[in-house]
Amino acid sequence: MAAALIWSGEALDDLDGIAQFIGRDSLHHAQRVVEGLFELGEVIATHPLAGRVVPELGDAQVRERFLYSYRVIYEVRPEQVEVLAVLHGRRLLESIGERFEG
């Protein structure tokens, strides 16, 4: 049974930025990438522990999965999974570190 999936406002903003960036070259590809990321969210909700622990954080509850060159970072909670961020793989996690501070 899948956990409830929540996309944080910050993660949705990340998706919007990704779509805008890719959309400058191809609206079709932007749509496909964003759809793929939402589909990955559904997979994460079904199998939340399949993702690896985010190496920079070392917290077993904060994990990540990859799609194309994007990292989907999420937190596993007892009754839900919350997507915290969607970042390009080359972007440093510390650039958004305030999202992960207590």
C-alpha atoms as a PDB file:
ATOM      1  CA  MET A   1       0.000   0.000   0.000  1.00  0.00           C
ATOM      2  CA  ALA A   2       1.346   3.393  -0.967  1.00  0.00           C
ATOM      3  CA  ALA A   3       1.946   6.087   1.611  1.00  0.00           C
ATOM      4  CA  ALA A   4       0.308   9.469   1.151  1.00  0.00           C
ATOM      5  CA  LEU A   5       2.516  11.581  -1.096  1.00  0.00           C
ATOM      6  CA  ILE A   6       3.009  15.282  -0.421  1.00  0.00           C
ATOM      7  CA  TRP A   7       4.956  17.671  -2.650  1.00  0.00           C
ATOM      8  CA  SER A   8       6.322  20.566  -0.602  1.00  0.00           C
ATOM      9  CA  GLY A   9       5.844  24.060  -1.975  1.00  0.00           C
ATOM     10  CA  GLU A  10       9.608  24.273  -2.491  1.00  0.00           C
ATOM     11  CA  ALA A  11       9.641  21.030  -4.501  1.00  0.00           C
ATOM     12  CA  LEU A  12       6.808  22.307  -6.696  1.00  0.00           C
ATOM     13  CA  ASP A  13       8.763  25.537  -7.214  1.00  0.00           C
ATOM     14  CA  ASP A  14      11.755  23.397  -8.222  1.00  0.00           C
ATOM     15  CA  LEU A  15       9.605  21.586 -10.794  1.00  0.00           C
ATOM     16  CA  ASP A  16       8.367  24.896 -12.159  1.00  0.00           C
ATOM     17  CA  GLY A  17      11.942  26.134 -12.528  1.00  0.00           C
ATOM     18  CA  ILE A  18      12.984  22.919 -14.262  1.00  0.00           C
ATOM     19  CA  ALA A  19      10.047  23.182 -16.662  1.00  0.00           C
ATOM     20  CA  GLN A  20      10.872  26.808 -17.461  1.00  0.00           C
ATOM     21  CA  PHE A  21      14.540  26.024 -18.033  1.00  0.00           C
ATOM     22  CA  ILE A  22      13.911  23.051 -20.335  1.00  0.00           C
ATOM     23  CA  GLY A  23      10.952  24.817 -21.958  1.00  0.00           C
ATOM     24  CA  ARG A  24      13.225  27.519 -23.366  1.00  0.00           C
ATOM     25  CA  ASP A  25      14.431  24.868 -25.810  1.00  0.00           C
ATOM     26  CA  SER A  26      11.509  22.441 -25.963  1.00  0.00           C
ATOM     27  CA  LEU A  27       8.091  22.623 -24.360  1.00  0.00           C
ATOM     28  CA  HIS A  28       7.561  18.970 -25.293  1.00  0.00           C
ATOM     29  CA  HIS A  29      10.669  17.821 -23.412  1.00  0.00           C
ATOM     30  CA  ALA A  30       9.847  20.049 -20.446  1.00  0.00           C
ATOM     31  CA  GLN A  31       6.430  18.431 -20.169  1.00  0.00           C
ATOM     32  CA  ARG A  32       7.892  14.914 -20.440  1.00  0.00           C
ATOM     33  CA  VAL A  33      10.501  15.556 -17.745  1.00  0.00           C
ATOM     34  CA  VAL A  34       7.980  17.048 -15.309  1.00  0.00           C
ATOM     35  CA  GLU A  35       5.498  14.222 -15.973  1.00  0.00           C
ATOM     36  CA  GLY A  36       8.307  11.721 -15.384  1.00  0.00           C
ATOM     37  CA  LEU A  37       9.190  13.369 -12.090  1.00  0.00           C
ATOM     38  CA  PHE A  38       5.566  13.231 -10.927  1.00  0.00           C
ATOM     39  CA  GLU A  39       5.419   9.557 -11.947  1.00  0.00           C
ATOM     40  CA  LEU A  40       8.604   8.910  -9.968  1.00  0.00           C
ATOM     41  CA  GLY A  41       6.864  10.497  -6.984  1.00  0.00           C
ATOM     42  CA  GLU A  42       4.155   7.844  -7.226  1.00  0.00           C
ATOM     43  CA  VAL A  43       6.800   5.090  -7.316  1.00  0.00           C
ATOM     44  CA  ILE A  44       8.492   6.652  -4.282  1.00  0.00           C
ATOM     45  CA  ALA A  45       5.174   6.648  -2.388  1.00  0.00           C
ATOM     46  CA  THR A  46       4.800   2.934  -3.108  1.00  0.00           C
ATOM     47  CA  HIS A  47       8.412   1.984  -2.298  1.00  0.00           C
ATOM     48  CA  PRO A  48       9.847   4.802  -0.165  1.00  0.00           C
ATOM     49  CA  LEU A  49      12.790   2.846   1.241  1.00  0.00           C
ATOM     50  CA  ALA A  50      14.058   1.887  -2.225  1.00  0.00           C
ATOM     51  CA  GLY A  51      15.828   5.236  -2.548  1.00  0.00           C
ATOM     52  CA  ARG A  52      19.283   5.735  -1.159  1.00  0.00           C
ATOM     53  CA  VAL A  53      20.011   7.791   1.933  1.00  0.00           C
ATOM     54  CA  VAL A  54      21.120  11.288   0.866  1.00  0.00           C
ATOM     55  CA  PRO A  55      24.907  11.097   1.407  1.00  0.00           C
ATOM     56  CA  GLU A  56      25.279  14.740   2.457  1.00  0.00           C
ATOM     57  CA  LEU A  57      22.731  14.346   5.246  1.00  0.00           C
ATOM     58  CA  GLY A  58      23.201  10.818   6.543  1.00  0.00           C
ATOM     59  CA  ASP A  59      19.603  10.732   7.836  1.00  0.00           C
ATOM     60  CA  ALA A  60      17.928   7.376   7.107  1.00  0.00           C
ATOM     61  CA  GLN A  61      14.565   9.127   6.741  1.00  0.00           C
ATOM     62  CA  VAL A  62      15.758  11.501   3.991  1.00  0.00           C
ATOM     63  CA  ARG A  63      16.309   9.623   0.763  1.00  0.00           C
ATOM     64  CA  GLU A  64      16.643  10.263  -2.941  1.00  0.00           C
ATOM     65  CA  ARG A  65      15.844   8.762  -6.300  1.00  0.00           C
ATOM     66  CA  PHE A  66      17.103   9.918  -9.674  1.00  0.00           C
ATOM     67  CA  LEU A  67      15.418  10.596 -12.992  1.00  0.00           C
ATOM     68  CA  TYR A  68      17.537  11.769 -15.878  1.00  0.00           C
ATOM     69  CA  SER A  69      19.928  14.205 -14.219  1.00  0.00           C
ATOM     70  CA  TYR A  70      17.534  15.198 -11.426  1.00  0.00           C
ATOM     71  CA  ARG A  71      17.564  14.208  -7.761  1.00  0.00           C
ATOM     72  CA  VAL A  72      14.187  13.821  -6.079  1.00  0.00           C
ATOM     73  CA  ILE A  73      14.857  14.230  -2.361  1.00  0.00           C
ATOM     74  CA  TYR A  74      12.149  13.091   0.023  1.00  0.00           C
ATOM     75  CA  GLU A  75      11.483  12.337   3.675  1.00  0.00           C
ATOM     76  CA  VAL A  76       9.889   9.086   4.788  1.00  0.00           C
ATOM     77  CA  ARG A  77       7.424   9.564   7.640  1.00  0.00           C
ATOM     78  CA  PRO A  78       5.147   7.003   9.328  1.00  0.00           C
ATOM     79  CA  GLU A  79       2.006   7.807   7.316  1.00  0.00           C
ATOM     80  CA  GLN A  80       3.351   9.861   4.425  1.00  0.00           C
ATOM     81  CA  VAL A  81       6.220  10.672   2.142  1.00  0.00           C
ATOM     82  CA  GLU A  82       7.081  14.314   1.499  1.00  0.00           C
ATOM     83  CA  VAL A  83       9.086  15.379  -1.515  1.00  0.00           C
ATOM     84  CA  LEU A  84      11.371  18.108  -0.213  1.00  0.00           C
ATOM     85  CA  ALA A  85      13.327  19.112  -3.305  1.00  0.00           C
ATOM     86  CA  VAL A  86      13.985  18.328  -6.956  1.00  0.00           C
ATOM     87  CA  LEU A  87      17.485  19.359  -7.962  1.00  0.00           C
ATOM     88  CA  HIS A  88      19.770  18.973 -10.915  1.00  0.00           C
ATOM     89  CA  GLY A  89      22.401  16.406 -10.023  1.00  0.00           C
ATOM     90  CA  ARG A  90      25.194  18.969 -10.348  1.00  0.00           C
ATOM     91  CA  ARG A  91      23.576  21.405  -7.942  1.00  0.00           C
ATOM     92  CA  LEU A  92      25.012  21.304  -4.450  1.00  0.00           C
ATOM     93  CA  LEU A  93      22.596  20.317  -1.737  1.00  0.00           C
ATOM     94  CA  GLU A  94      24.132  22.956   0.528  1.00  0.00           C
ATOM     95  CA  SER A  95      22.704  25.602  -1.823  1.00  0.00           C
ATOM     96  CA  ILE A  96      19.276  24.765  -0.406  1.00  0.00           C
ATOM     97  CA  GLY A  97      20.462  23.560   3.015  1.00  0.00           C
ATOM     98  CA  GLU A  98      17.938  25.676   4.898  1.00  0.00           C
ATOM     99  CA  ARG A  99      15.228  23.243   3.741  1.00  0.00           C
ATOM    100  CA  PHE A 100      16.899  20.486   5.717  1.00  0.00           C
ATOM    101  CA  GLU A 101      17.680  22.273   8.948  1.00  0.00           C
ATOM    102  CA  GLY A 102      15.644  21.276  12.006  1.00  0.00           C
END
